[in-house]
């Protein structure tokens, strides 16, 4: 069911929603002849994925056209920025979460801040680019984003010149990585290691579990503490799709063991892959596709 819905979303976001709908229609005819409710359900999920993606794509185009005619926007920044910097963010206009990139000439702000940006908008393939922008913070970042910033400062102090790599691996902060390091990892086929992946989350879960055992927490309390800490960590780093997938799978496995119930590997995998049910555009994220 998850695979059928995701396939429909991928088709819709790539302009192949007509193909997905045609395939779903053929599957429905087959289901009617074979009297198969399962096939019919999968066909409807495939069609709903294609229609959902098409509707979102149309909404985004309308939003981009509307925002492109403005000279002032409210944007939530992904990272901190200062004059001369270039930063990615997202419009906080209700119903229009358009990706925006800002070339800042005046003003500064921290990652996670909501800023008022004034500049000149240029449409691009992936949203809007705001040039010659002046930014002013109107709402500071939330506590989790501030926690991430403090963690980055602590890593700078602890790791010295190796801090950029440590920040990429621990708090998903890659903006300090030098082009040379990026090129070396890409040449070795290890560029994916520079982002938070399911492997990182798994290692952190193991470390938290061992820490709970070292402080002699009861097994149930240790597992609950591990899940809560892991959830806060994933939220703090911005909830990238691979980390969310791994976190959901760890939680499903742990909760099933706490309830002393058998665990289906396929069910756990399906739960981990179900991110597009909450945010359909997750399917376009390369991290989700690789994960």
C-alpha atoms as a PDB file:
ATOM      1  CA  UNK A   1       0.000   0.000   0.000  1.00  0.00           C
ATOM      2  CA  UNK A   2       2.812   2.416   0.905  1.00  0.00           C
ATOM      3  CA  UNK A   3       4.716   1.539  -2.268  1.00  0.00           C
ATOM      4  CA  UNK A   4       1.632   2.108  -4.440  1.00  0.00           C
ATOM      5  CA  UNK A   5       0.951   5.531  -2.913  1.00  0.00           C
ATOM      6  CA  UNK A   6       4.616   6.564  -3.173  1.00  0.00           C
ATOM      7  CA  UNK A   7       4.737   5.429  -6.809  1.00  0.00           C
ATOM      8  CA  UNK A   8       1.690   7.578  -7.553  1.00  0.00           C
ATOM      9  CA  UNK A   9       3.286  10.586  -5.862  1.00  0.00           C
ATOM     10  CA  UNK A  10       6.537  10.161  -7.791  1.00  0.00           C
ATOM     11  CA  UNK A  11       4.623   9.924 -11.063  1.00  0.00           C
ATOM     12  CA  UNK A  12       2.560  12.993 -10.251  1.00  0.00           C
ATOM     13  CA  UNK A  13       5.510  15.166  -9.243  1.00  0.00           C
ATOM     14  CA  UNK A  14       7.300  14.224 -12.475  1.00  0.00           C
ATOM     15  CA  UNK A  15       4.342  15.107 -14.674  1.00  0.00           C
ATOM     16  CA  UNK A  16       3.388  11.481 -15.313  1.00  0.00           C
ATOM     17  CA  UNK A  17       0.136  11.540 -13.361  1.00  0.00           C
ATOM     18  CA  UNK A  18      -1.805  10.595 -16.514  1.00  0.00           C
ATOM     19  CA  UNK A  19       0.280   7.408 -16.762  1.00  0.00           C
ATOM     20  CA  UNK A  20      -0.388   6.604 -13.087  1.00  0.00           C
ATOM     21  CA  UNK A  21      -4.119   7.147 -13.544  1.00  0.00           C
ATOM     22  CA  UNK A  22      -4.165   4.986 -16.673  1.00  0.00           C
ATOM     23  CA  UNK A  23      -2.313   2.200 -14.886  1.00  0.00           C
ATOM     24  CA  UNK A  24      -4.698   2.488 -11.940  1.00  0.00           C
ATOM     25  CA  UNK A  25      -7.696   2.231 -14.293  1.00  0.00           C
ATOM     26  CA  UNK A  26      -6.299  -0.937 -15.873  1.00  0.00           C
ATOM     27  CA  UNK A  27      -5.680  -2.397 -12.399  1.00  0.00           C
ATOM     28  CA  UNK A  28      -9.258  -1.578 -11.370  1.00  0.00           C
ATOM     29  CA  UNK A  29     -10.643  -3.386 -14.416  1.00  0.00           C
ATOM     30  CA  UNK A  30      -8.475  -6.402 -13.581  1.00  0.00           C
ATOM     31  CA  UNK A  31      -9.587  -6.237  -9.928  1.00  0.00           C
ATOM     32  CA  UNK A  32     -13.236  -6.203 -10.970  1.00  0.00           C
ATOM     33  CA  UNK A  33     -12.775  -9.254 -13.205  1.00  0.00           C
ATOM     34  CA  UNK A  34     -10.688 -11.124 -10.618  1.00  0.00           C
ATOM     35  CA  UNK A  35     -12.858  -9.917  -7.714  1.00  0.00           C
ATOM     36  CA  UNK A  36      -9.735  -8.825  -5.873  1.00  0.00           C
ATOM     37  CA  UNK A  37     -10.289  -6.094  -3.245  1.00  0.00           C
ATOM     38  CA  UNK A  38      -6.537  -5.939  -2.591  1.00  0.00           C
ATOM     39  CA  UNK A  39      -5.698  -5.050  -6.201  1.00  0.00           C
ATOM     40  CA  UNK A  40      -8.539  -2.517  -6.263  1.00  0.00           C
ATOM     41  CA  UNK A  41      -7.232  -0.885  -3.095  1.00  0.00           C
ATOM     42  CA  UNK A  42      -3.708  -0.650  -4.505  1.00  0.00           C
ATOM     43  CA  UNK A  43      -5.051   0.861  -7.720  1.00  0.00           C
ATOM     44  CA  UNK A  44      -6.953   3.529  -5.772  1.00  0.00           C
ATOM     45  CA  UNK A  45      -3.853   4.336  -3.730  1.00  0.00           C
ATOM     46  CA  UNK A  46      -1.786   4.683  -6.907  1.00  0.00           C
ATOM     47  CA  UNK A  47      -4.382   7.036  -8.379  1.00  0.00           C
ATOM     48  CA  UNK A  48      -4.703   9.064  -5.179  1.00  0.00           C
ATOM     49  CA  UNK A  49      -0.919   9.517  -5.053  1.00  0.00           C
ATOM     50  CA  UNK A  50      -0.862  10.822  -8.627  1.00  0.00           C
ATOM     51  CA  UNK A  51      -3.793  13.198  -8.024  1.00  0.00           C
ATOM     52  CA  UNK A  52      -2.322  14.458  -4.734  1.00  0.00           C
ATOM     53  CA  UNK A  53       1.037  15.239  -6.334  1.00  0.00           C
ATOM     54  CA  UNK A  54      -0.681  16.971  -9.257  1.00  0.00           C
ATOM     55  CA  UNK A  55      -2.732  19.138  -6.898  1.00  0.00           C
ATOM     56  CA  UNK A  56       0.354  20.098  -4.879  1.00  0.00           C
ATOM     57  CA  UNK A  57       2.313  20.952  -8.038  1.00  0.00           C
ATOM     58  CA  UNK A  58      -0.516  23.223  -9.237  1.00  0.00           C
ATOM     59  CA  UNK A  59      -0.722  24.874  -5.814  1.00  0.00           C
ATOM     60  CA  UNK A  60       3.025  25.527  -5.787  1.00  0.00           C
ATOM     61  CA  UNK A  61       2.904  27.120  -9.235  1.00  0.00           C
ATOM     62  CA  UNK A  62       0.079  29.431  -8.168  1.00  0.00           C
ATOM     63  CA  UNK A  63       1.936  30.331  -4.988  1.00  0.00           C
ATOM     64  CA  UNK A  64       5.179  31.039  -6.859  1.00  0.00           C
ATOM     65  CA  UNK A  65       3.358  33.308  -9.321  1.00  0.00           C
ATOM     66  CA  UNK A  66       1.689  35.162  -6.455  1.00  0.00           C
ATOM     67  CA  UNK A  67       4.891  35.555  -4.404  1.00  0.00           C
ATOM     68  CA  UNK A  68       6.972  36.550  -7.442  1.00  0.00           C
ATOM     69  CA  UNK A  69       4.903  39.726  -7.773  1.00  0.00           C
ATOM     70  CA  UNK A  70       5.845  40.938  -4.310  1.00  0.00           C
ATOM     71  CA  UNK A  71       8.808  42.909  -3.001  1.00  0.00           C
ATOM     72  CA  UNK A  72       8.524  41.722   0.609  1.00  0.00           C
ATOM     73  CA  UNK A  73       8.203  38.228   2.102  1.00  0.00           C
ATOM     74  CA  UNK A  74       8.128  36.369   5.413  1.00  0.00           C
ATOM     75  CA  UNK A  75      10.633  33.497   5.234  1.00  0.00           C
ATOM     76  CA  UNK A  76      11.868  30.872   7.705  1.00  0.00           C
ATOM     77  CA  UNK A  77      15.610  30.431   7.216  1.00  0.00           C
ATOM     78  CA  UNK A  78      17.321  27.040   7.135  1.00  0.00           C
ATOM     79  CA  UNK A  79      20.672  28.470   8.282  1.00  0.00           C
ATOM     80  CA  UNK A  80      22.146  31.653   9.677  1.00  0.00           C
ATOM     81  CA  UNK A  81      23.125  34.411   7.263  1.00  0.00           C
ATOM     82  CA  UNK A  82      24.976  37.725   7.236  1.00  0.00           C
ATOM     83  CA  UNK A  83      25.621  40.377   4.553  1.00  0.00           C
ATOM     84  CA  UNK A  84      27.130  38.786   1.450  1.00  0.00           C
ATOM     85  CA  UNK A  85      25.666  35.366   2.294  1.00  0.00           C
ATOM     86  CA  UNK A  86      23.297  33.127   0.382  1.00  0.00           C
ATOM     87  CA  UNK A  87      20.743  31.114   2.331  1.00  0.00           C
ATOM     88  CA  UNK A  88      17.827  28.779   1.694  1.00  0.00           C
ATOM     89  CA  UNK A  89      14.456  29.141   3.367  1.00  0.00           C
ATOM     90  CA  UNK A  90      10.749  28.599   2.978  1.00  0.00           C
ATOM     91  CA  UNK A  91       7.865  31.035   2.717  1.00  0.00           C
ATOM     92  CA  UNK A  92       5.584  31.062   5.761  1.00  0.00           C
ATOM     93  CA  UNK A  93       2.669  32.431   3.742  1.00  0.00           C
ATOM     94  CA  UNK A  94      -0.337  30.287   4.827  1.00  0.00           C
ATOM     95  CA  UNK A  95      -0.846  27.496   2.308  1.00  0.00           C
ATOM     96  CA  UNK A  96       2.222  28.482   0.258  1.00  0.00           C
ATOM     97  CA  UNK A  97       5.375  26.766   1.610  1.00  0.00           C
ATOM     98  CA  UNK A  98       7.476  27.790  -1.410  1.00  0.00           C
ATOM     99  CA  UNK A  99      11.245  27.200  -1.330  1.00  0.00           C
ATOM    100  CA  UNK A 100      13.118  30.512  -1.470  1.00  0.00           C
ATOM    101  CA  UNK A 101      16.821  31.306  -1.787  1.00  0.00           C
ATOM    102  CA  UNK A 102      18.043  34.678  -0.595  1.00  0.00           C
ATOM    103  CA  UNK A 103      21.153  36.647  -1.554  1.00  0.00           C
ATOM    104  CA  UNK A 104      21.533  38.965   1.439  1.00  0.00           C
ATOM    105  CA  UNK A 105      23.005  42.443   1.123  1.00  0.00           C
ATOM    106  CA  UNK A 106      21.857  43.904   4.449  1.00  0.00           C
ATOM    107  CA  UNK A 107      20.919  42.422   7.786  1.00  0.00           C
ATOM    108  CA  UNK A 108      21.674  39.138   9.523  1.00  0.00           C
ATOM    109  CA  UNK A 109      19.674  36.349  11.159  1.00  0.00           C
ATOM    110  CA  UNK A 110      20.127  32.932  12.747  1.00  0.00           C
ATOM    111  CA  UNK A 111      19.005  29.587  11.375  1.00  0.00           C
ATOM    112  CA  UNK A 112      15.355  28.960  12.138  1.00  0.00           C
ATOM    113  CA  UNK A 113      14.494  32.668  12.435  1.00  0.00           C
ATOM    114  CA  UNK A 114      11.478  34.001  10.564  1.00  0.00           C
ATOM    115  CA  UNK A 115      12.642  37.104   8.724  1.00  0.00           C
ATOM    116  CA  UNK A 116      11.040  39.842   6.701  1.00  0.00           C
ATOM    117  CA  UNK A 117      12.972  39.995   3.434  1.00  0.00           C
ATOM    118  CA  UNK A 118      12.814  42.868   0.978  1.00  0.00           C
ATOM    119  CA  UNK A 119      14.351  42.424  -2.462  1.00  0.00           C
ATOM    120  CA  UNK A 120      13.800  41.385  -6.068  1.00  0.00           C
ATOM    121  CA  UNK A 121      12.310  37.963  -6.846  1.00  0.00           C
ATOM    122  CA  UNK A 122      13.366  35.800  -9.783  1.00  0.00           C
ATOM    123  CA  UNK A 123      11.533  32.508 -10.513  1.00  0.00           C
ATOM    124  CA  UNK A 124      13.749  29.414 -10.712  1.00  0.00           C
ATOM    125  CA  UNK A 125      13.255  25.706 -11.328  1.00  0.00           C
ATOM    126  CA  UNK A 126      13.042  25.000  -7.591  1.00  0.00           C
ATOM    127  CA  UNK A 127      11.202  28.043  -6.224  1.00  0.00           C
ATOM    128  CA  UNK A 128      12.115  31.721  -6.019  1.00  0.00           C
ATOM    129  CA  UNK A 129      15.477  33.447  -5.716  1.00  0.00           C
ATOM    130  CA  UNK A 130      15.502  36.794  -3.862  1.00  0.00           C
ATOM    131  CA  UNK A 131      18.321  39.095  -4.924  1.00  0.00           C
ATOM    132  CA  UNK A 132      19.674  42.284  -3.304  1.00  0.00           C
ATOM    133  CA  UNK A 133      17.793  41.357  -0.155  1.00  0.00           C
ATOM    134  CA  UNK A 134      17.590  43.135   3.176  1.00  0.00           C
ATOM    135  CA  UNK A 135      16.492  40.867   6.041  1.00  0.00           C
ATOM    136  CA  UNK A 136      15.150  41.640   9.507  1.00  0.00           C
ATOM    137  CA  UNK A 137      14.187  39.065  12.137  1.00  0.00           C
ATOM    138  CA  UNK A 138      10.533  39.194  13.143  1.00  0.00           C
ATOM    139  CA  UNK A 139      10.405  35.914  15.116  1.00  0.00           C
ATOM    140  CA  UNK A 140      13.450  34.143  16.622  1.00  0.00           C
ATOM    141  CA  UNK A 141      14.137  30.464  16.161  1.00  0.00           C
ATOM    142  CA  UNK A 142      12.450  27.928  18.413  1.00  0.00           C
ATOM    143  CA  UNK A 143      14.186  26.152  21.315  1.00  0.00           C
ATOM    144  CA  UNK A 144      15.244  23.120  19.246  1.00  0.00           C
ATOM    145  CA  UNK A 145      16.976  25.274  16.634  1.00  0.00           C
ATOM    146  CA  UNK A 146      18.732  27.228  19.389  1.00  0.00           C
ATOM    147  CA  UNK A 147      19.810  23.923  20.937  1.00  0.00           C
ATOM    148  CA  UNK A 148      21.276  22.868  17.592  1.00  0.00           C
ATOM    149  CA  UNK A 149      23.186  26.164  17.366  1.00  0.00           C
ATOM    150  CA  UNK A 150      24.610  25.663  20.860  1.00  0.00           C
ATOM    151  CA  UNK A 151      25.602  22.102  19.957  1.00  0.00           C
ATOM    152  CA  UNK A 152      27.422  23.418  16.875  1.00  0.00           C
ATOM    153  CA  UNK A 153      29.360  25.893  19.046  1.00  0.00           C
ATOM    154  CA  UNK A 154      30.293  23.100  21.462  1.00  0.00           C
ATOM    155  CA  UNK A 155      31.543  20.980  18.544  1.00  0.00           C
ATOM    156  CA  UNK A 156      33.637  23.926  17.295  1.00  0.00           C
ATOM    157  CA  UNK A 157      35.271  24.172  20.720  1.00  0.00           C
ATOM    158  CA  UNK A 158      35.849  20.419  21.087  1.00  0.00           C
ATOM    159  CA  UNK A 159      37.007  19.410  17.597  1.00  0.00           C
ATOM    160  CA  UNK A 160      39.019  22.397  16.369  1.00  0.00           C
ATOM    161  CA  UNK A 161      39.848  22.171  12.682  1.00  0.00           C
ATOM    162  CA  UNK A 162      37.904  18.904  12.387  1.00  0.00           C
ATOM    163  CA  UNK A 163      34.719  20.647  13.580  1.00  0.00           C
ATOM    164  CA  UNK A 164      33.152  21.084  10.091  1.00  0.00           C
ATOM    165  CA  UNK A 165      33.163  17.325   9.507  1.00  0.00           C
ATOM    166  CA  UNK A 166      31.951  16.604  13.040  1.00  0.00           C
ATOM    167  CA  UNK A 167      29.101  19.101  12.671  1.00  0.00           C
ATOM    168  CA  UNK A 168      28.035  17.479   9.398  1.00  0.00           C
ATOM    169  CA  UNK A 169      27.973  14.030  11.006  1.00  0.00           C
ATOM    170  CA  UNK A 170      26.409  15.028  14.333  1.00  0.00           C
ATOM    171  CA  UNK A 171      24.033  17.959  13.785  1.00  0.00           C
ATOM    172  CA  UNK A 172      23.517  17.922   9.976  1.00  0.00           C
ATOM    173  CA  UNK A 173      25.350  21.242   9.559  1.00  0.00           C
ATOM    174  CA  UNK A 174      27.293  21.043   6.294  1.00  0.00           C
ATOM    175  CA  UNK A 175      27.733  24.731   5.507  1.00  0.00           C
ATOM    176  CA  UNK A 176      31.239  24.812   7.045  1.00  0.00           C
ATOM    177  CA  UNK A 177      32.590  21.942   4.926  1.00  0.00           C
ATOM    178  CA  UNK A 178      35.291  23.042   2.507  1.00  0.00           C
ATOM    179  CA  UNK A 179      34.912  22.319  -1.228  1.00  0.00           C
ATOM    180  CA  UNK A 180      38.019  20.119  -0.989  1.00  0.00           C
ATOM    181  CA  UNK A 181      36.432  17.829   1.615  1.00  0.00           C
ATOM    182  CA  UNK A 182      33.226  17.583  -0.398  1.00  0.00           C
ATOM    183  CA  UNK A 183      35.188  16.702  -3.540  1.00  0.00           C
ATOM    184  CA  UNK A 184      37.244  14.054  -1.717  1.00  0.00           C
ATOM    185  CA  UNK A 185      34.142  12.332  -0.357  1.00  0.00           C
ATOM    186  CA  UNK A 186      32.427  12.545  -3.747  1.00  0.00           C
ATOM    187  CA  UNK A 187      35.457  11.048  -5.505  1.00  0.00           C
ATOM    188  CA  UNK A 188      35.478   8.173  -3.005  1.00  0.00           C
ATOM    189  CA  UNK A 189      31.756   7.552  -3.540  1.00  0.00           C
ATOM    190  CA  UNK A 190      31.061   8.479   0.088  1.00  0.00           C
ATOM    191  CA  UNK A 191      29.319  11.843  -0.308  1.00  0.00           C
ATOM    192  CA  UNK A 192      26.197  10.368   1.322  1.00  0.00           C
ATOM    193  CA  UNK A 193      28.172   9.936   4.556  1.00  0.00           C
ATOM    194  CA  UNK A 194      28.289  13.721   4.976  1.00  0.00           C
ATOM    195  CA  UNK A 195      24.563  13.834   5.717  1.00  0.00           C
ATOM    196  CA  UNK A 196      22.599  12.340   8.591  1.00  0.00           C
ATOM    197  CA  UNK A 197      21.404   8.915   7.492  1.00  0.00           C
ATOM    198  CA  UNK A 198      19.686   5.941   9.055  1.00  0.00           C
ATOM    199  CA  UNK A 199      23.100   4.537   9.976  1.00  0.00           C
ATOM    200  CA  UNK A 200      23.893   7.621  12.070  1.00  0.00           C
ATOM    201  CA  UNK A 201      20.548   7.378  13.876  1.00  0.00           C
ATOM    202  CA  UNK A 202      21.098   3.677  14.511  1.00  0.00           C
ATOM    203  CA  UNK A 203      24.529   4.308  16.021  1.00  0.00           C
ATOM    204  CA  UNK A 204      23.138   7.058  18.236  1.00  0.00           C
ATOM    205  CA  UNK A 205      20.312   4.771  19.368  1.00  0.00           C
ATOM    206  CA  UNK A 206      22.861   2.106  20.323  1.00  0.00           C
ATOM    207  CA  UNK A 207      24.975   4.683  22.192  1.00  0.00           C
ATOM    208  CA  UNK A 208      21.918   5.928  24.105  1.00  0.00           C
ATOM    209  CA  UNK A 209      20.922   2.362  24.967  1.00  0.00           C
ATOM    210  CA  UNK A 210      24.417   1.620  26.291  1.00  0.00           C
ATOM    211  CA  UNK A 211      24.383   4.853  28.308  1.00  0.00           C
ATOM    212  CA  UNK A 212      21.062   3.839  29.875  1.00  0.00           C
ATOM    213  CA  UNK A 213      22.593   0.502  30.881  1.00  0.00           C
ATOM    214  CA  UNK A 214      25.695   2.180  32.336  1.00  0.00           C
ATOM    215  CA  UNK A 215      23.571   4.373  34.629  1.00  0.00           C
ATOM    216  CA  UNK A 216      21.598   1.250  35.603  1.00  0.00           C
ATOM    217  CA  UNK A 217      18.188   2.341  34.379  1.00  0.00           C
ATOM    218  CA  UNK A 218      15.548  -0.412  34.391  1.00  0.00           C
ATOM    219  CA  UNK A 219      15.129  -1.935  30.893  1.00  0.00           C
ATOM    220  CA  UNK A 220      11.737  -0.337  30.245  1.00  0.00           C
ATOM    221  CA  UNK A 221      12.838   3.087  31.503  1.00  0.00           C
ATOM    222  CA  UNK A 222      16.050   2.826  29.463  1.00  0.00           C
ATOM    223  CA  UNK A 223      14.157   2.073  26.259  1.00  0.00           C
ATOM    224  CA  UNK A 224      11.681   4.898  26.827  1.00  0.00           C
ATOM    225  CA  UNK A 225      14.510   7.327  27.621  1.00  0.00           C
ATOM    226  CA  UNK A 226      16.334   6.246  24.457  1.00  0.00           C
ATOM    227  CA  UNK A 227      13.251   6.850  22.288  1.00  0.00           C
ATOM    228  CA  UNK A 228      12.511  10.258  23.832  1.00  0.00           C
ATOM    229  CA  UNK A 229      16.129  11.424  23.474  1.00  0.00           C
ATOM    230  CA  UNK A 230      16.309  10.097  19.922  1.00  0.00           C
ATOM    231  CA  UNK A 231      13.088  11.929  19.014  1.00  0.00           C
ATOM    232  CA  UNK A 232      14.408  15.219  20.409  1.00  0.00           C
ATOM    233  CA  UNK A 233      17.670  14.738  18.506  1.00  0.00           C
ATOM    234  CA  UNK A 234      15.920  14.084  15.182  1.00  0.00           C
ATOM    235  CA  UNK A 235      13.679  17.127  15.679  1.00  0.00           C
ATOM    236  CA  UNK A 236      16.702  19.253  16.641  1.00  0.00           C
ATOM    237  CA  UNK A 237      18.574  18.511  13.407  1.00  0.00           C
ATOM    238  CA  UNK A 238      15.541  19.421  11.301  1.00  0.00           C
ATOM    239  CA  UNK A 239      13.947  15.980  10.859  1.00  0.00           C
ATOM    240  CA  UNK A 240      15.622  14.957   7.559  1.00  0.00           C
ATOM    241  CA  UNK A 241      13.744  12.152   5.820  1.00  0.00           C
ATOM    242  CA  UNK A 242      16.361   9.369   6.358  1.00  0.00           C
ATOM    243  CA  UNK A 243      16.634  10.198  10.064  1.00  0.00           C
ATOM    244  CA  UNK A 244      12.851  10.209  10.486  1.00  0.00           C
ATOM    245  CA  UNK A 245      12.618   6.877   8.685  1.00  0.00           C
ATOM    246  CA  UNK A 246      15.226   5.308  10.966  1.00  0.00           C
ATOM    247  CA  UNK A 247      13.695   6.851  14.073  1.00  0.00           C
ATOM    248  CA  UNK A 248      10.234   5.522  13.233  1.00  0.00           C
ATOM    249  CA  UNK A 249      11.629   2.046  12.623  1.00  0.00           C
ATOM    250  CA  UNK A 250      13.574   2.046  15.902  1.00  0.00           C
ATOM    251  CA  UNK A 251      10.474   3.264  17.754  1.00  0.00           C
ATOM    252  CA  UNK A 252       8.227   0.634  16.165  1.00  0.00           C
ATOM    253  CA  UNK A 253      10.652  -2.161  17.018  1.00  0.00           C
ATOM    254  CA  UNK A 254      11.203  -0.931  20.582  1.00  0.00           C
ATOM    255  CA  UNK A 255       7.502  -0.408  21.330  1.00  0.00           C
ATOM    256  CA  UNK A 256       6.659  -3.860  19.939  1.00  0.00           C
ATOM    257  CA  UNK A 257       9.260  -5.412  22.235  1.00  0.00           C
ATOM    258  CA  UNK A 258       7.954  -3.447  25.225  1.00  0.00           C
ATOM    259  CA  UNK A 259       4.472  -4.775  24.439  1.00  0.00           C
ATOM    260  CA  UNK A 260       5.945  -8.274  23.954  1.00  0.00           C
ATOM    261  CA  UNK A 261       4.419  -8.594  20.504  1.00  0.00           C
ATOM    262  CA  UNK A 262       5.935 -10.214  17.411  1.00  0.00           C
ATOM    263  CA  UNK A 263       7.515  -7.833  14.921  1.00  0.00           C
ATOM    264  CA  UNK A 264       7.048  -7.993  11.154  1.00  0.00           C
ATOM    265  CA  UNK A 265      10.092  -6.630   9.352  1.00  0.00           C
ATOM    266  CA  UNK A 266       7.917  -5.614   6.395  1.00  0.00           C
ATOM    267  CA  UNK A 267       5.488  -3.733   8.646  1.00  0.00           C
ATOM    268  CA  UNK A 268       8.347  -1.861  10.325  1.00  0.00           C
ATOM    269  CA  UNK A 269       9.806  -1.012   6.921  1.00  0.00           C
ATOM    270  CA  UNK A 270       6.413   0.218   5.687  1.00  0.00           C
ATOM    271  CA  UNK A 271       6.037   2.463   8.742  1.00  0.00           C
ATOM    272  CA  UNK A 272       9.498   3.901   8.105  1.00  0.00           C
ATOM    273  CA  UNK A 273       8.648   4.594   4.475  1.00  0.00           C
ATOM    274  CA  UNK A 274       5.308   6.230   5.286  1.00  0.00           C
ATOM    275  CA  UNK A 275       6.695   9.774   5.601  1.00  0.00           C
ATOM    276  CA  UNK A 276       4.860  10.926   2.424  1.00  0.00           C
ATOM    277  CA  UNK A 277       1.559  10.323   4.214  1.00  0.00           C
ATOM    278  CA  UNK A 278       2.411  13.356   6.369  1.00  0.00           C
ATOM    279  CA  UNK A 279       4.263  15.395   3.727  1.00  0.00           C
ATOM    280  CA  UNK A 280       3.796  14.177   0.131  1.00  0.00           C
ATOM    281  CA  UNK A 281       6.784  16.190  -1.143  1.00  0.00           C
ATOM    282  CA  UNK A 282       9.050  13.927   0.930  1.00  0.00           C
ATOM    283  CA  UNK A 283       9.166  11.569  -2.076  1.00  0.00           C
ATOM    284  CA  UNK A 284      11.152  14.169  -4.053  1.00  0.00           C
ATOM    285  CA  UNK A 285      13.862  14.261  -1.365  1.00  0.00           C
ATOM    286  CA  UNK A 286      16.974  12.420  -2.520  1.00  0.00           C
ATOM    287  CA  UNK A 287      17.679  11.275   1.019  1.00  0.00           C
ATOM    288  CA  UNK A 288      14.260   9.609   1.197  1.00  0.00           C
ATOM    289  CA  UNK A 289      14.731   7.923  -2.182  1.00  0.00           C
ATOM    290  CA  UNK A 290      18.173   6.550  -1.243  1.00  0.00           C
ATOM    291  CA  UNK A 291      16.995   5.576   2.229  1.00  0.00           C
END
